[in-house]
Amino acid sequence: PGGGAEATNVAPGKEAIFNFKALNPGLYVYHCAAAPVPLHIANGMYGLILVEPEGGLPKVDREYYIMQGEFYTKGKTDEKGLQEFDQDKGVDENPTYVVFNGKKNALMGKNELTAKVGETVRLFVGNGGPNLASSFHVIGEIFDKVYIEGGSKINENVQTTLIPAGGAAMVEFKVEEPGEYILVDHSIFRAFNKGAIGKLKVTGEKNPKVYNKVQ
């Protein structure tokens, strides 16, 4: 009941223990449920739980965790210094930042994802919210499989998949050409102006039968 919120309500310096049986395979979001719930979720108190089916998921070459979330600050985007939570922005669903894995550029530079030509990549993608749905997309790729909302139903050949706040999806695709593939929330101002952007760097031999710049 309550997702374990009451069972894990514990004072500082104390501990609480509970157990549960994972009855349903899939990819699920967990989050703080102590009041005020929206404030805690808006400060990143969430994550993903993967429950694999009996025998496990089919093997792939690479697996990565991506969690989208929002921050609502009194300061403007990229303003330096301590940024206090802005309740009004939260209520109005107007985030200062929309990011992957907790901060801007978390999946860029030395932290960018990697793969090799010919490999199959599986992304476990969650959306902590607290408010916005995610239009998750990898520029230059088509998802071979999408486990819809993290469940058992699979959709094929998908360009962009919608992930609700508090929801998740698993996406799989085979990389067939080297280069840089950009991960975005395709509500595109969120990607290029608020931070919901990452990179997958693929190395290996070029395949002109798949992609070829003519001139």
C-alpha atoms as a PDB file:
ATOM      1  CA  PRO A   1       0.000   0.000   0.000  1.00  0.00           C
ATOM      2  CA  GLY A   2       1.227   3.459  -0.888  1.00  0.00           C
ATOM      3  CA  GLY A   3       4.206   2.009  -2.719  1.00  0.00           C
ATOM      4  CA  GLY A   4       6.040   1.491   0.554  1.00  0.00           C
ATOM      5  CA  ALA A   5       5.854   5.172   1.539  1.00  0.00           C
ATOM      6  CA  GLU A   6       4.499   4.561   5.030  1.00  0.00           C
ATOM      7  CA  ALA A   7       6.811   1.608   5.645  1.00  0.00           C
ATOM      8  CA  THR A   8       9.877   3.686   4.792  1.00  0.00           C
ATOM      9  CA  ASN A   9       8.890   6.844   6.680  1.00  0.00           C
ATOM     10  CA  VAL A  10      11.812   7.117   9.076  1.00  0.00           C
ATOM     11  CA  ALA A  11      13.344   9.767  11.332  1.00  0.00           C
ATOM     12  CA  PRO A  12      16.957  10.958  10.938  1.00  0.00           C
ATOM     13  CA  GLY A  13      19.373   8.497  12.511  1.00  0.00           C
ATOM     14  CA  LYS A  14      16.844   5.651  12.380  1.00  0.00           C
ATOM     15  CA  GLU A  15      16.208   2.928   9.819  1.00  0.00           C
ATOM     16  CA  ALA A  16      13.204   1.165   8.326  1.00  0.00           C
ATOM     17  CA  ILE A  17      13.145  -2.129   6.446  1.00  0.00           C
ATOM     18  CA  PHE A  18      10.429  -3.676   4.313  1.00  0.00           C
ATOM     19  CA  ASN A  19      10.337  -6.263   1.564  1.00  0.00           C
ATOM     20  CA  PHE A  20       8.125  -6.902  -1.425  1.00  0.00           C
ATOM     21  CA  LYS A  21       7.839  -9.430  -4.227  1.00  0.00           C
ATOM     22  CA  ALA A  22       8.403  -8.185  -7.779  1.00  0.00           C
ATOM     23  CA  LEU A  23       5.291  -9.604  -9.445  1.00  0.00           C
ATOM     24  CA  ASN A  24       5.305  -7.760 -12.775  1.00  0.00           C
ATOM     25  CA  PRO A  25       8.217  -7.671 -15.227  1.00  0.00           C
ATOM     26  CA  GLY A  26       8.954  -4.257 -16.664  1.00  0.00           C
ATOM     27  CA  LEU A  27      10.719  -0.944 -16.127  1.00  0.00           C
ATOM     28  CA  TYR A  28       9.288   1.192 -13.337  1.00  0.00           C
ATOM     29  CA  VAL A  29       9.842   4.599 -11.760  1.00  0.00           C
ATOM     30  CA  TYR A  30      10.138   4.944  -7.994  1.00  0.00           C
ATOM     31  CA  HIS A  31      10.012   8.305  -6.211  1.00  0.00           C
ATOM     32  CA  CYS A  32       9.810   9.914  -2.799  1.00  0.00           C
ATOM     33  CA  ALA A  33       6.292   9.974  -1.362  1.00  0.00           C
ATOM     34  CA  ALA A  34       6.865  12.064   1.762  1.00  0.00           C
ATOM     35  CA  ALA A  35       5.126  15.436   1.868  1.00  0.00           C
ATOM     36  CA  PRO A  36       5.506  17.700   0.011  1.00  0.00           C
ATOM     37  CA  VAL A  37       5.762  15.119  -2.773  1.00  0.00           C
ATOM     38  CA  PRO A  38       6.077  17.561  -5.719  1.00  0.00           C
ATOM     39  CA  LEU A  39       8.971  19.397  -4.061  1.00  0.00           C
ATOM     40  CA  HIS A  40      10.883  16.184  -3.447  1.00  0.00           C
ATOM     41  CA  ILE A  41      10.377  14.883  -6.983  1.00  0.00           C
ATOM     42  CA  ALA A  42      11.358  18.294  -8.373  1.00  0.00           C
ATOM     43  CA  ASN A  43      14.638  17.915  -6.479  1.00  0.00           C
ATOM     44  CA  GLY A  44      15.473  14.586  -8.122  1.00  0.00           C
ATOM     45  CA  MET A  45      14.260  12.038  -5.567  1.00  0.00           C
ATOM     46  CA  TYR A  46      13.412   9.299  -8.078  1.00  0.00           C
ATOM     47  CA  GLY A  47      14.957   6.489 -10.109  1.00  0.00           C
ATOM     48  CA  LEU A  48      14.250   3.284 -12.040  1.00  0.00           C
ATOM     49  CA  ILE A  49      13.657  -0.325 -11.059  1.00  0.00           C
ATOM     50  CA  LEU A  50      14.051  -2.998 -13.748  1.00  0.00           C
ATOM     51  CA  VAL A  51      12.182  -6.247 -13.155  1.00  0.00           C
ATOM     52  CA  GLU A  52      13.356  -8.766 -15.738  1.00  0.00           C
ATOM     53  CA  PRO A  53      11.084 -11.573 -16.949  1.00  0.00           C
ATOM     54  CA  GLU A  54      11.927 -15.169 -16.123  1.00  0.00           C
ATOM     55  CA  GLY A  55      15.037 -16.017 -18.106  1.00  0.00           C
ATOM     56  CA  GLY A  56      15.939 -12.338 -18.435  1.00  0.00           C
ATOM     57  CA  LEU A  57      15.716  -9.913 -21.321  1.00  0.00           C
ATOM     58  CA  PRO A  58      17.261 -10.883 -24.672  1.00  0.00           C
ATOM     59  CA  LYS A  59      20.992 -10.231 -24.733  1.00  0.00           C
ATOM     60  CA  VAL A  60      22.255  -7.012 -26.322  1.00  0.00           C
ATOM     61  CA  ASP A  61      25.714  -5.485 -26.646  1.00  0.00           C
ATOM     62  CA  ARG A  62      25.211  -2.270 -24.664  1.00  0.00           C
ATOM     63  CA  GLU A  63      22.755  -1.160 -21.991  1.00  0.00           C
ATOM     64  CA  TYR A  64      22.433   2.367 -20.600  1.00  0.00           C
ATOM     65  CA  TYR A  65      20.304   4.148 -17.993  1.00  0.00           C
ATOM     66  CA  ILE A  66      18.751   7.517 -18.855  1.00  0.00           C
ATOM     67  CA  MET A  67      16.465   9.431 -16.499  1.00  0.00           C
ATOM     68  CA  GLN A  68      14.799  12.652 -17.586  1.00  0.00           C
ATOM     69  CA  GLY A  69      13.750  15.225 -15.025  1.00  0.00           C
ATOM     70  CA  GLU A  70      13.004  18.898 -14.461  1.00  0.00           C
ATOM     71  CA  PHE A  71      14.314  21.601 -12.145  1.00  0.00           C
ATOM     72  CA  TYR A  72      12.416  24.754 -11.215  1.00  0.00           C
ATOM     73  CA  THR A  73      14.723  27.509  -9.994  1.00  0.00           C
ATOM     74  CA  LYS A  74      14.284  31.169  -9.134  1.00  0.00           C
ATOM     75  CA  GLY A  75      17.264  32.003 -11.319  1.00  0.00           C
ATOM     76  CA  LYS A  76      17.300  31.821 -15.106  1.00  0.00           C
ATOM     77  CA  THR A  77      18.768  28.915 -17.079  1.00  0.00           C
ATOM     78  CA  ASP A  78      22.569  28.786 -16.638  1.00  0.00           C
ATOM     79  CA  GLU A  79      22.554  31.486 -13.951  1.00  0.00           C
ATOM     80  CA  LYS A  80      25.482  30.915 -11.585  1.00  0.00           C
ATOM     81  CA  GLY A  81      25.291  30.365  -7.838  1.00  0.00           C
ATOM     82  CA  LEU A  82      22.832  28.710  -5.472  1.00  0.00           C
ATOM     83  CA  GLN A  83      19.417  28.311  -7.071  1.00  0.00           C
ATOM     84  CA  GLU A  84      16.406  28.076  -4.788  1.00  0.00           C
ATOM     85  CA  PHE A  85      13.288  26.131  -5.740  1.00  0.00           C
ATOM     86  CA  ASP A  86      10.566  28.209  -7.418  1.00  0.00           C
ATOM     87  CA  GLN A  87       7.152  26.920  -6.361  1.00  0.00           C
ATOM     88  CA  ASP A  88       5.295  29.115  -8.853  1.00  0.00           C
ATOM     89  CA  LYS A  89       7.295  27.753 -11.794  1.00  0.00           C
ATOM     90  CA  GLY A  90       6.557  24.231 -10.593  1.00  0.00           C
ATOM     91  CA  VAL A  91       2.824  24.839 -10.346  1.00  0.00           C
ATOM     92  CA  ASP A  92       2.853  26.494 -13.780  1.00  0.00           C
ATOM     93  CA  GLU A  93       4.838  23.555 -15.228  1.00  0.00           C
ATOM     94  CA  ASN A  94       7.519  25.915 -16.545  1.00  0.00           C
ATOM     95  CA  PRO A  95      10.897  24.336 -15.720  1.00  0.00           C
ATOM     96  CA  THR A  96      14.164  26.241 -15.806  1.00  0.00           C
ATOM     97  CA  TYR A  97      15.951  23.026 -16.766  1.00  0.00           C
ATOM     98  CA  VAL A  98      14.932  19.736 -18.390  1.00  0.00           C
ATOM     99  CA  VAL A  99      17.853  17.316 -18.131  1.00  0.00           C
ATOM    100  CA  PHE A 100      19.050  13.736 -18.427  1.00  0.00           C
ATOM    101  CA  ASN A 101      20.585  12.018 -15.392  1.00  0.00           C
ATOM    102  CA  GLY A 102      20.339  14.957 -13.041  1.00  0.00           C
ATOM    103  CA  LYS A 103      22.177  17.817 -14.728  1.00  0.00           C
ATOM    104  CA  LYS A 104      22.946  19.555 -17.999  1.00  0.00           C
ATOM    105  CA  ASN A 105      25.546  17.773 -20.145  1.00  0.00           C
ATOM    106  CA  ALA A 106      25.433  14.647 -17.963  1.00  0.00           C
ATOM    107  CA  LEU A 107      25.636  12.524 -21.134  1.00  0.00           C
ATOM    108  CA  MET A 108      28.096  14.695 -23.050  1.00  0.00           C
ATOM    109  CA  GLY A 109      31.883  14.868 -23.322  1.00  0.00           C
ATOM    110  CA  LYS A 110      33.659  12.302 -21.161  1.00  0.00           C
ATOM    111  CA  ASN A 111      30.263  10.923 -20.088  1.00  0.00           C
ATOM    112  CA  GLU A 112      28.834  10.386 -23.568  1.00  0.00           C
ATOM    113  CA  LEU A 113      27.481   6.931 -24.352  1.00  0.00           C
ATOM    114  CA  THR A 114      29.538   4.704 -26.642  1.00  0.00           C
ATOM    115  CA  ALA A 115      28.971   1.797 -29.017  1.00  0.00           C
ATOM    116  CA  LYS A 116      30.563   0.111 -32.030  1.00  0.00           C
ATOM    117  CA  VAL A 117      29.147  -0.390 -35.507  1.00  0.00           C
ATOM    118  CA  GLY A 118      27.052  -3.551 -35.625  1.00  0.00           C
ATOM    119  CA  GLU A 119      26.152  -3.504 -31.934  1.00  0.00           C
ATOM    120  CA  THR A 120      22.640  -3.433 -30.520  1.00  0.00           C
ATOM    121  CA  VAL A 121      22.012  -0.795 -27.874  1.00  0.00           C
ATOM    122  CA  ARG A 122      19.285  -0.950 -25.237  1.00  0.00           C
ATOM    123  CA  LEU A 123      18.330   2.225 -23.386  1.00  0.00           C
ATOM    124  CA  PHE A 124      16.362   2.122 -20.152  1.00  0.00           C
ATOM    125  CA  VAL A 125      14.643   5.514 -20.242  1.00  0.00           C
ATOM    126  CA  GLY A 126      12.641   6.922 -17.356  1.00  0.00           C
ATOM    127  CA  ASN A 127      10.858  10.213 -16.818  1.00  0.00           C
ATOM    128  CA  GLY A 128      10.795  11.449 -13.238  1.00  0.00           C
ATOM    129  CA  GLY A 129       8.856  14.547 -14.202  1.00  0.00           C
ATOM    130  CA  PRO A 130       7.420  15.930 -12.045  1.00  0.00           C
ATOM    131  CA  ASN A 131       5.280  17.520 -14.761  1.00  0.00           C
ATOM    132  CA  LEU A 132       6.250  17.044 -18.398  1.00  0.00           C
ATOM    133  CA  ALA A 133       5.909  14.099 -20.766  1.00  0.00           C
ATOM    134  CA  SER A 134       9.048  13.271 -22.765  1.00  0.00           C
ATOM    135  CA  SER A 135       9.197  12.878 -26.553  1.00  0.00           C
ATOM    136  CA  PHE A 136      12.311  10.707 -26.491  1.00  0.00           C
ATOM    137  CA  HIS A 137      14.267  10.503 -29.738  1.00  0.00           C
ATOM    138  CA  VAL A 138      17.753   9.654 -31.008  1.00  0.00           C
ATOM    139  CA  ILE A 139      18.618  11.852 -33.980  1.00  0.00           C
ATOM    140  CA  GLY A 140      19.703   9.644 -36.878  1.00  0.00           C
ATOM    141  CA  GLU A 141      18.221   6.413 -35.523  1.00  0.00           C
ATOM    142  CA  ILE A 142      14.987   4.444 -35.671  1.00  0.00           C
ATOM    143  CA  PHE A 143      14.151   2.323 -32.650  1.00  0.00           C
ATOM    144  CA  ASP A 144      13.939  -1.300 -33.764  1.00  0.00           C
ATOM    145  CA  LYS A 145      11.942  -2.102 -30.626  1.00  0.00           C
ATOM    146  CA  VAL A 146      10.133  -0.026 -28.029  1.00  0.00           C
ATOM    147  CA  TYR A 147       8.836  -1.725 -24.905  1.00  0.00           C
ATOM    148  CA  ILE A 148       5.818   0.552 -24.585  1.00  0.00           C
ATOM    149  CA  GLU A 149       5.722   2.371 -21.226  1.00  0.00           C
ATOM    150  CA  GLY A 150       8.277  -0.142 -19.950  1.00  0.00           C
ATOM    151  CA  GLY A 151       5.842  -3.054 -20.164  1.00  0.00           C
ATOM    152  CA  SER A 152       5.608  -6.258 -22.183  1.00  0.00           C
ATOM    153  CA  LYS A 153       4.079  -4.899 -25.399  1.00  0.00           C
ATOM    154  CA  ILE A 154       6.618  -4.143 -28.122  1.00  0.00           C
ATOM    155  CA  ASN A 155       6.272  -1.628 -30.933  1.00  0.00           C
ATOM    156  CA  GLU A 156       8.678  -1.761 -33.885  1.00  0.00           C
ATOM    157  CA  ASN A 157      10.296   0.826 -36.173  1.00  0.00           C
ATOM    158  CA  VAL A 158       9.571   3.853 -33.998  1.00  0.00           C
ATOM    159  CA  GLN A 159      11.066   7.298 -34.549  1.00  0.00           C
ATOM    160  CA  THR A 160      10.024   9.037 -31.312  1.00  0.00           C
ATOM    161  CA  THR A 161       8.367   7.507 -28.262  1.00  0.00           C
ATOM    162  CA  LEU A 162       6.247   9.306 -25.682  1.00  0.00           C
ATOM    163  CA  ILE A 163       7.127   8.698 -22.023  1.00  0.00           C
ATOM    164  CA  PRO A 164       4.731  10.144 -19.429  1.00  0.00           C
ATOM    165  CA  ALA A 165       5.836  11.773 -16.197  1.00  0.00           C
ATOM    166  CA  GLY A 166       6.324   8.921 -13.742  1.00  0.00           C
ATOM    167  CA  GLY A 167       6.692   6.438 -16.598  1.00  0.00           C
ATOM    168  CA  ALA A 168       9.409   4.642 -18.537  1.00  0.00           C
ATOM    169  CA  ALA A 169      10.250   2.860 -21.782  1.00  0.00           C
ATOM    170  CA  MET A 170      12.921   0.497 -23.056  1.00  0.00           C
ATOM    171  CA  VAL A 171      14.213   1.168 -26.562  1.00  0.00           C
ATOM    172  CA  GLU A 172      16.558  -0.941 -28.688  1.00  0.00           C
ATOM    173  CA  PHE A 173      18.351  -0.201 -31.942  1.00  0.00           C
ATOM    174  CA  LYS A 174      21.282  -1.530 -33.956  1.00  0.00           C
ATOM    175  CA  VAL A 175      23.923   1.036 -34.909  1.00  0.00           C
ATOM    176  CA  GLU A 176      25.056   0.586 -38.504  1.00  0.00           C
ATOM    177  CA  GLU A 177      27.116   3.692 -39.201  1.00  0.00           C
ATOM    178  CA  PRO A 178      29.846   5.442 -37.162  1.00  0.00           C
ATOM    179  CA  GLY A 179      29.285   8.966 -35.942  1.00  0.00           C
ATOM    180  CA  GLU A 180      27.646  11.004 -33.224  1.00  0.00           C
ATOM    181  CA  TYR A 181      23.991  10.378 -32.465  1.00  0.00           C
ATOM    182  CA  ILE A 182      22.175  12.994 -30.396  1.00  0.00           C
ATOM    183  CA  LEU A 183      19.677  11.951 -27.712  1.00  0.00           C
ATOM    184  CA  VAL A 184      16.915  14.493 -27.097  1.00  0.00           C
ATOM    185  CA  ASP A 185      13.513  15.232 -25.747  1.00  0.00           C
ATOM    186  CA  HIS A 186      12.064  16.211 -29.130  1.00  0.00           C
ATOM    187  CA  SER A 187      10.029  18.980 -27.559  1.00  0.00           C
ATOM    188  CA  ILE A 188      13.120  20.538 -28.970  1.00  0.00           C
ATOM    189  CA  PHE A 189      13.586  23.761 -26.994  1.00  0.00           C
ATOM    190  CA  ARG A 190      13.971  21.516 -23.955  1.00  0.00           C
ATOM    191  CA  ALA A 191      16.956  19.862 -25.642  1.00  0.00           C
ATOM    192  CA  PHE A 192      18.908  22.815 -27.003  1.00  0.00           C
ATOM    193  CA  ASN A 193      17.863  25.478 -24.494  1.00  0.00           C
ATOM    194  CA  LYS A 194      17.072  23.675 -21.229  1.00  0.00           C
ATOM    195  CA  GLY A 195      19.422  20.689 -21.232  1.00  0.00           C
ATOM    196  CA  ALA A 196      17.562  17.514 -22.308  1.00  0.00           C
ATOM    197  CA  ILE A 197      20.314  16.409 -24.666  1.00  0.00           C
ATOM    198  CA  GLY A 198      22.981  13.702 -24.722  1.00  0.00           C
ATOM    199  CA  LYS A 199      25.307  11.959 -27.139  1.00  0.00           C
ATOM    200  CA  LEU A 200      25.998   8.416 -28.326  1.00  0.00           C
ATOM    201  CA  LYS A 201      29.376   8.081 -30.062  1.00  0.00           C
ATOM    202  CA  VAL A 202      29.616   5.127 -32.449  1.00  0.00           C
ATOM    203  CA  THR A 203      32.994   3.971 -33.764  1.00  0.00           C
ATOM    204  CA  GLY A 204      33.844   1.530 -36.539  1.00  0.00           C
ATOM    205  CA  GLU A 205      34.027   1.244 -40.306  1.00  0.00           C
ATOM    206  CA  LYS A 206      31.799   3.339 -42.531  1.00  0.00           C
ATOM    207  CA  ASN A 207      29.030   1.597 -44.442  1.00  0.00           C
ATOM    208  CA  PRO A 208      28.285   3.526 -47.667  1.00  0.00           C
ATOM    209  CA  LYS A 209      25.415   1.162 -48.463  1.00  0.00           C
ATOM    210  CA  VAL A 210      23.646   2.521 -45.390  1.00  0.00           C
ATOM    211  CA  TYR A 211      24.785   6.160 -45.433  1.00  0.00           C
ATOM    212  CA  ASN A 212      26.902   8.030 -47.959  1.00  0.00           C
ATOM    213  CA  LYS A 213      27.514  11.746 -48.349  1.00  0.00           C
ATOM    214  CA  VAL A 214      27.547  12.213 -52.113  1.00  0.00           C
ATOM    215  CA  GLN A 215      28.898  15.755 -52.395  1.00  0.00           C
END
